[in-house]
Each structure stands twice: as structure tokens, then as C-alpha cells.
Amino acid sequence: MMIVALLAAQVMQPAACHDDRARLLALDENAFDQDMTGGWRKLEEDGCEAEAADLVRDWRIMHKSRDSILFWHEGQLRADIGQTAAAIALFRRSYKTVKQDHGMGWNLYVDGTIAFLRHDRVAFDTAKAKLAALPRPPNFTFEGPDGKPVPVKWPLNMNVFEGFARCWDKSYKAAYACATPMMRIKAPDTK
């Protein structure tokens, strides 16, 4: 009976969840974290959020990374699968110093996201209002993968907060999907 249960569990898990961990763990940080079609993101795209979260954790530990964005991305993955307490703890580890933030409002984004997960509407609305009032830093540009400036809506991550507000009673994963894209990319003229 136990063998049948183990086989059923393996059948229910997508084959894509069994990616080459050794290869992924050997990637440098940029390839592991910022490649939108590779690294841990491919596992997430294939519906393997739990495996992706564990992979990010293992990469972070193996490479002794203290990079806040990796705590954030693991937290997002854990929030996606309902591991709220773990997600909040990871999000808290992603706070930046004022110097690291450069006036971008990252800590307000962290505060509001944690408030969303805790279902604390007052704290969420406070973080959202503070982010909305944040002045755009002088000479701020956002670069696309090609290194060229891309127009984005300011303040950063307000689109996520707007999605959270619209979808307040939904799960993190569903509410995050309610966000409108932050980039305003004009499609190339094909004529």
C-alpha cells in the first residue's frame, strides 16, 4: 500500500519539477536569479513553486548569499504555495538600508506585502499611501535586458499594491496576478 502511495505522489508531480539541481545550483547568481527563462524561474513557470523555493534556499546557503532579493524571491514562492509564516520571515530579511534603497521605496513594498499576507488592511493602506507619495529619484531610469532605458510607471511596485487592493480577499498568488504590468513597452512597428 505504501509503494502505491509513493508511486501516485510521483505521478501527480510534473516531470518538469525534477530539473537538474546540480546544474542549477552551480549557476552564478545572475544566471540563477535573473534569467527569466532559466535558473529557478523555469521551475516556477512549470508550476513547481515548492521545488523552486527549496532550490533558491539551497542556492543561497550553498553560495553563502546574503543578497536580499534571493530572500524576497524565495518568500514570494513560499507565499504562492501558502507558506505564509515562512514567506513573512523571508520578506523581513529582504529589507534594505536607506543607502541601498536609493529612494526607490523597497521597504514600503516589503511592509505592504507583509501587511497583505497578515490581512492587515490598515498597515497595507499606510504602506501604499507612503509609496504613492514617494518622489521619483532624480535621473531615475529602468533598463531592459538589452541595457536600454524602458519607461516604467512610478512608483515601482505600485502596480502590485493596486492588484493586492483589487484582489484583497484572494491568495497571494492570485492577488499578485491582479497587478497590471509595470512596464509600458511599445511594440516595434512591423510595417
C-alpha atoms as a PDB file:
ATOM      1  CA  MET A   1       0.000   0.000   0.000  1.00  0.00           C
ATOM      2  CA  MET A   2       2.871   2.374   0.839  1.00  0.00           C
ATOM      3  CA  ILE A   3       4.511   1.738  -2.551  1.00  0.00           C
ATOM      4  CA  VAL A   4       1.266   2.610  -4.348  1.00  0.00           C
ATOM      5  CA  ALA A   5       1.046   5.908  -2.416  1.00  0.00           C
ATOM      6  CA  LEU A   6       4.652   6.798  -3.282  1.00  0.00           C
ATOM      7  CA  LEU A   7       4.117   6.000  -6.953  1.00  0.00           C
ATOM      8  CA  ALA A   8       0.911   8.057  -7.002  1.00  0.00           C
ATOM      9  CA  ALA A   9       2.736  11.025  -5.469  1.00  0.00           C
ATOM     10  CA  GLN A  10       5.429  10.779  -8.140  1.00  0.00           C
ATOM     11  CA  VAL A  11       2.847  10.563 -10.933  1.00  0.00           C
ATOM     12  CA  MET A  12       0.964  13.622  -9.638  1.00  0.00           C
ATOM     13  CA  GLN A  13       4.128  15.754  -9.594  1.00  0.00           C
ATOM     14  CA  PRO A  14       5.048  17.169 -13.011  1.00  0.00           C
ATOM     15  CA  ALA A  15       8.203  15.701 -14.532  1.00  0.00           C
ATOM     16  CA  ALA A  16       9.493  19.251 -15.002  1.00  0.00           C
ATOM     17  CA  CYS A  17       9.818  19.508 -11.201  1.00  0.00           C
ATOM     18  CA  HIS A  18      12.741  17.137 -11.360  1.00  0.00           C
ATOM     19  CA  ASP A  19      15.140  19.530 -13.077  1.00  0.00           C
ATOM     20  CA  ASP A  20      18.910  19.135 -12.885  1.00  0.00           C
ATOM     21  CA  ARG A  21      19.511  20.548  -9.394  1.00  0.00           C
ATOM     22  CA  ALA A  22      23.284  20.166  -9.550  1.00  0.00           C
ATOM     23  CA  ARG A  23      23.440  22.216 -12.749  1.00  0.00           C
ATOM     24  CA  LEU A  24      21.118  24.895 -11.366  1.00  0.00           C
ATOM     25  CA  LEU A  25      22.988  25.134  -8.071  1.00  0.00           C
ATOM     26  CA  ALA A  26      26.257  25.621  -9.978  1.00  0.00           C
ATOM     27  CA  LEU A  27      24.955  28.701 -11.851  1.00  0.00           C
ATOM     28  CA  ASP A  28      26.279  32.143 -10.959  1.00  0.00           C
ATOM     29  CA  GLU A  29      23.809  34.458  -9.228  1.00  0.00           C
ATOM     30  CA  ASN A  30      22.795  36.356 -12.352  1.00  0.00           C
ATOM     31  CA  ALA A  31      22.057  33.193 -14.343  1.00  0.00           C
ATOM     32  CA  PHE A  32      20.338  31.588 -11.360  1.00  0.00           C
ATOM     33  CA  ASP A  33      18.150  34.528 -10.360  1.00  0.00           C
ATOM     34  CA  GLN A  34      17.809  36.994 -13.224  1.00  0.00           C
ATOM     35  CA  ASP A  35      17.455  34.715 -16.270  1.00  0.00           C
ATOM     36  CA  MET A  36      13.684  34.940 -16.804  1.00  0.00           C
ATOM     37  CA  THR A  37      13.594  31.650 -18.725  1.00  0.00           C
ATOM     38  CA  GLY A  38      16.214  29.711 -16.758  1.00  0.00           C
ATOM     39  CA  GLY A  39      17.523  29.259 -13.239  1.00  0.00           C
ATOM     40  CA  TRP A  40      14.838  28.787 -10.613  1.00  0.00           C
ATOM     41  CA  ARG A  41      12.253  30.644 -12.705  1.00  0.00           C
ATOM     42  CA  LYS A  42      11.794  27.730 -15.120  1.00  0.00           C
ATOM     43  CA  LEU A  43      10.645  25.560 -12.212  1.00  0.00           C
ATOM     44  CA  GLU A  44       8.160  28.223 -11.141  1.00  0.00           C
ATOM     45  CA  GLU A  45       6.889  28.573 -14.711  1.00  0.00           C
ATOM     46  CA  ASP A  46       6.314  24.819 -14.786  1.00  0.00           C
ATOM     47  CA  GLY A  47       4.154  25.018 -11.638  1.00  0.00           C
ATOM     48  CA  CYS A  48       6.859  23.747  -9.310  1.00  0.00           C
ATOM     49  CA  GLU A  49       6.875  26.600  -6.778  1.00  0.00           C
ATOM     50  CA  ALA A  50       7.782  24.393  -3.784  1.00  0.00           C
ATOM     51  CA  GLU A  51      10.756  22.913  -5.611  1.00  0.00           C
ATOM     52  CA  ALA A  52      11.786  26.374  -6.829  1.00  0.00           C
ATOM     53  CA  ALA A  53      11.583  27.760  -3.261  1.00  0.00           C
ATOM     54  CA  ASP A  54      13.749  24.936  -1.953  1.00  0.00           C
ATOM     55  CA  LEU A  55      16.188  25.461  -4.810  1.00  0.00           C
ATOM     56  CA  VAL A  56      16.510  29.191  -4.046  1.00  0.00           C
ATOM     57  CA  ARG A  57      17.076  28.370  -0.368  1.00  0.00           C
ATOM     58  CA  ASP A  58      19.697  25.747  -1.223  1.00  0.00           C
ATOM     59  CA  TRP A  59      21.460  28.058  -3.699  1.00  0.00           C
ATOM     60  CA  ARG A  60      21.526  30.843  -1.102  1.00  0.00           C
ATOM     61  CA  ILE A  61      23.003  28.539   1.549  1.00  0.00           C
ATOM     62  CA  MET A  62      25.492  26.888  -0.803  1.00  0.00           C
ATOM     63  CA  HIS A  63      26.795  30.227  -2.105  1.00  0.00           C
ATOM     64  CA  LYS A  64      26.585  31.940   1.309  1.00  0.00           C
ATOM     65  CA  SER A  65      24.485  34.666  -0.308  1.00  0.00           C
ATOM     66  CA  ARG A  66      23.164  37.487   1.804  1.00  0.00           C
ATOM     67  CA  ASP A  67      21.502  39.160  -1.197  1.00  0.00           C
ATOM     68  CA  SER A  68      18.108  40.450  -0.118  1.00  0.00           C
ATOM     69  CA  ILE A  69      16.490  39.734  -3.474  1.00  0.00           C
ATOM     70  CA  LEU A  70      17.016  35.992  -3.056  1.00  0.00           C
ATOM     71  CA  PHE A  71      15.245  36.110   0.326  1.00  0.00           C
ATOM     72  CA  TRP A  72      12.476  38.051  -1.428  1.00  0.00           C
ATOM     73  CA  HIS A  73      12.131  35.603  -4.318  1.00  0.00           C
ATOM     74  CA  GLU A  74      12.081  32.588  -2.016  1.00  0.00           C
ATOM     75  CA  GLY A  75       9.485  34.398   0.089  1.00  0.00           C
ATOM     76  CA  GLN A  76       7.319  35.025  -2.968  1.00  0.00           C
ATOM     77  CA  LEU A  77       7.483  31.352  -3.895  1.00  0.00           C
ATOM     78  CA  ARG A  78       6.579  30.324  -0.352  1.00  0.00           C
ATOM     79  CA  ALA A  79       3.688  32.820  -0.327  1.00  0.00           C
ATOM     80  CA  ASP A  80       2.489  31.349  -3.637  1.00  0.00           C
ATOM     81  CA  ILE A  81       2.142  27.913  -2.036  1.00  0.00           C
ATOM     82  CA  GLY A  82       0.552  29.184   1.171  1.00  0.00           C
ATOM     83  CA  GLN A  83       3.614  29.018   3.440  1.00  0.00           C
ATOM     84  CA  THR A  84       2.714  32.431   4.847  1.00  0.00           C
ATOM     85  CA  ALA A  85       4.789  32.418   8.051  1.00  0.00           C
ATOM     86  CA  ALA A  86       7.909  31.354   6.155  1.00  0.00           C
ATOM     87  CA  ALA A  87       7.222  33.953   3.457  1.00  0.00           C
ATOM     88  CA  ILE A  88       6.885  36.755   6.006  1.00  0.00           C
ATOM     89  CA  ALA A  89      10.127  35.731   7.732  1.00  0.00           C
ATOM     90  CA  LEU A  90      11.946  35.748   4.375  1.00  0.00           C
ATOM     91  CA  PHE A  91      10.424  39.077   3.336  1.00  0.00           C
ATOM     92  CA  ARG A  92      11.654  40.606   6.604  1.00  0.00           C
ATOM     93  CA  ARG A  93      15.190  39.524   5.695  1.00  0.00           C
ATOM     94  CA  SER A  94      14.945  41.486   2.442  1.00  0.00           C
ATOM     95  CA  TYR A  95      14.756  44.970   3.988  1.00  0.00           C
ATOM     96  CA  LYS A  96      17.367  47.404   2.678  1.00  0.00           C
ATOM     97  CA  THR A  97      19.254  50.226   4.317  1.00  0.00           C
ATOM     98  CA  VAL A  98      18.388  53.763   3.214  1.00  0.00           C
ATOM     99  CA  LYS A  99      21.645  53.837   1.259  1.00  0.00           C
ATOM    100  CA  GLN A 100      20.889  50.534  -0.507  1.00  0.00           C
ATOM    101  CA  ASP A 101      17.347  51.656  -1.367  1.00  0.00           C
ATOM    102  CA  HIS A 102      18.321  54.842  -3.254  1.00  0.00           C
ATOM    103  CA  GLY A 103      14.842  56.322  -2.678  1.00  0.00           C
ATOM    104  CA  MET A 104      13.059  53.507  -4.520  1.00  0.00           C
ATOM    105  CA  GLY A 105      10.620  52.596  -1.717  1.00  0.00           C
ATOM    106  CA  TRP A 106      11.654  48.955  -1.364  1.00  0.00           C
ATOM    107  CA  ASN A 107      10.978  48.805   2.380  1.00  0.00           C
ATOM    108  CA  LEU A 108       7.490  50.231   1.847  1.00  0.00           C
ATOM    109  CA  TYR A 109       6.877  47.443  -0.673  1.00  0.00           C
ATOM    110  CA  VAL A 110       8.051  44.895   1.898  1.00  0.00           C
ATOM    111  CA  ASP A 111       5.854  46.460   4.598  1.00  0.00           C
ATOM    112  CA  GLY A 112       2.775  46.450   2.364  1.00  0.00           C
ATOM    113  CA  THR A 113       3.337  42.896   1.180  1.00  0.00           C
ATOM    114  CA  ILE A 114       3.686  41.625   4.742  1.00  0.00           C
ATOM    115  CA  ALA A 115       0.541  43.561   5.691  1.00  0.00           C
ATOM    116  CA  PHE A 116      -1.304  41.915   2.777  1.00  0.00           C
ATOM    117  CA  LEU A 117      -0.221  38.456   3.944  1.00  0.00           C
ATOM    118  CA  ARG A 118      -1.293  39.273   7.518  1.00  0.00           C
ATOM    119  CA  HIS A 119      -4.646  40.634   6.231  1.00  0.00           C
ATOM    120  CA  ASP A 120      -3.874  43.947   7.952  1.00  0.00           C
ATOM    121  CA  ARG A 121      -5.683  46.444   5.743  1.00  0.00           C
ATOM    122  CA  VAL A 122      -4.715  49.489   7.834  1.00  0.00           C
ATOM    123  CA  ALA A 123      -0.978  48.695   7.627  1.00  0.00           C
ATOM    124  CA  PHE A 124      -1.338  47.874   3.928  1.00  0.00           C
ATOM    125  CA  ASP A 125      -3.136  51.143   3.141  1.00  0.00           C
ATOM    126  CA  THR A 126      -0.497  53.068   5.106  1.00  0.00           C
ATOM    127  CA  ALA A 127       2.380  51.474   3.161  1.00  0.00           C
ATOM    128  CA  LYS A 128       0.523  52.005  -0.128  1.00  0.00           C
ATOM    129  CA  ALA A 129      -0.098  55.711   0.630  1.00  0.00           C
ATOM    130  CA  LYS A 130       3.534  56.258   1.600  1.00  0.00           C
ATOM    131  CA  LEU A 131       4.709  54.529  -1.581  1.00  0.00           C
ATOM    132  CA  ALA A 132       2.310  56.606  -3.697  1.00  0.00           C
ATOM    133  CA  ALA A 133       3.732  59.806  -2.179  1.00  0.00           C
ATOM    134  CA  LEU A 134       7.350  58.814  -2.820  1.00  0.00           C
ATOM    135  CA  PRO A 135       9.019  61.269  -5.211  1.00  0.00           C
ATOM    136  CA  ARG A 136      10.719  59.837  -8.269  1.00  0.00           C
ATOM    137  CA  PRO A 137      14.509  59.986  -7.700  1.00  0.00           C
ATOM    138  CA  PRO A 138      16.339  62.393  -9.999  1.00  0.00           C
ATOM    139  CA  ASN A 139      17.871  60.740 -13.055  1.00  0.00           C
ATOM    140  CA  PHE A 140      15.906  57.526 -12.422  1.00  0.00           C
ATOM    141  CA  THR A 141      15.851  55.140 -15.362  1.00  0.00           C
ATOM    142  CA  PHE A 142      14.904  51.493 -15.637  1.00  0.00           C
ATOM    143  CA  GLU A 143      16.854  49.378 -18.094  1.00  0.00           C
ATOM    144  CA  GLY A 144      15.561  46.438 -20.046  1.00  0.00           C
ATOM    145  CA  PRO A 145      17.525  43.237 -20.716  1.00  0.00           C
ATOM    146  CA  ASP A 146      19.225  44.962 -23.654  1.00  0.00           C
ATOM    147  CA  GLY A 147      20.545  47.733 -21.381  1.00  0.00           C
ATOM    148  CA  LYS A 148      18.352  50.403 -22.971  1.00  0.00           C
ATOM    149  CA  PRO A 149      16.033  52.564 -20.842  1.00  0.00           C
ATOM    150  CA  VAL A 150      12.463  51.313 -20.613  1.00  0.00           C
ATOM    151  CA  PRO A 151       9.621  53.590 -19.487  1.00  0.00           C
ATOM    152  CA  VAL A 152       8.039  52.318 -16.270  1.00  0.00           C
ATOM    153  CA  LYS A 153       5.199  53.530 -14.118  1.00  0.00           C
ATOM    154  CA  TRP A 154       6.333  55.294 -10.927  1.00  0.00           C
ATOM    155  CA  PRO A 155       6.485  54.422  -8.105  1.00  0.00           C
ATOM    156  CA  LEU A 156       7.883  50.956  -8.601  1.00  0.00           C
ATOM    157  CA  ASN A 157       5.684  48.126  -7.304  1.00  0.00           C
ATOM    158  CA  MET A 158       2.596  50.346  -7.004  1.00  0.00           C
ATOM    159  CA  ASN A 159       1.074  48.120  -9.662  1.00  0.00           C
ATOM    160  CA  VAL A 160       1.423  45.157  -7.291  1.00  0.00           C
ATOM    161  CA  PHE A 161      -0.202  47.116  -4.454  1.00  0.00           C
ATOM    162  CA  GLU A 162      -3.059  48.104  -6.763  1.00  0.00           C
ATOM    163  CA  GLY A 163      -3.520  44.425  -7.603  1.00  0.00           C
ATOM    164  CA  PHE A 164      -3.472  43.465  -3.916  1.00  0.00           C
ATOM    165  CA  ALA A 165      -6.090  46.149  -3.186  1.00  0.00           C
ATOM    166  CA  ARG A 166      -8.342  44.950  -6.053  1.00  0.00           C
ATOM    167  CA  CYS A 167      -7.989  41.309  -5.015  1.00  0.00           C
ATOM    168  CA  TRP A 168      -7.716  41.736  -1.242  1.00  0.00           C
ATOM    169  CA  ASP A 169      -9.579  38.546  -0.324  1.00  0.00           C
ATOM    170  CA  LYS A 170      -7.607  36.314  -2.673  1.00  0.00           C
ATOM    171  CA  SER A 171      -4.444  34.313  -2.063  1.00  0.00           C
ATOM    172  CA  TYR A 172      -1.066  35.964  -2.546  1.00  0.00           C
ATOM    173  CA  LYS A 173      -0.563  34.183  -5.863  1.00  0.00           C
ATOM    174  CA  ALA A 174      -3.974  35.207  -7.198  1.00  0.00           C
ATOM    175  CA  ALA A 175      -3.705  38.789  -5.900  1.00  0.00           C
ATOM    176  CA  TYR A 176      -0.200  39.193  -7.322  1.00  0.00           C
ATOM    177  CA  ALA A 177      -1.614  38.177 -10.700  1.00  0.00           C
ATOM    178  CA  CYS A 178      -4.133  41.048 -10.383  1.00  0.00           C
ATOM    179  CA  ALA A 179      -1.270  43.553 -10.844  1.00  0.00           C
ATOM    180  CA  THR A 180      -1.017  45.393 -14.126  1.00  0.00           C
ATOM    181  CA  PRO A 181       2.389  45.263 -15.824  1.00  0.00           C
ATOM    182  CA  MET A 182       4.763  47.998 -14.623  1.00  0.00           C
ATOM    183  CA  MET A 183       6.491  48.434 -17.958  1.00  0.00           C
ATOM    184  CA  ARG A 184       4.966  50.417 -20.745  1.00  0.00           C
ATOM    185  CA  ILE A 185       6.655  48.777 -23.680  1.00  0.00           C
ATOM    186  CA  LYS A 186       5.729  49.892 -27.157  1.00  0.00           C
ATOM    187  CA  ALA A 187       5.729  47.024 -29.603  1.00  0.00           C
ATOM    188  CA  PRO A 188       8.074  47.519 -32.538  1.00  0.00           C
ATOM    189  CA  ASP A 189       6.452  48.693 -35.744  1.00  0.00           C
ATOM    190  CA  THR A 190       6.323  45.711 -38.093  1.00  0.00           C
ATOM    191  CA  LYS A 191       5.365  47.684 -41.177  1.00  0.00           C
END
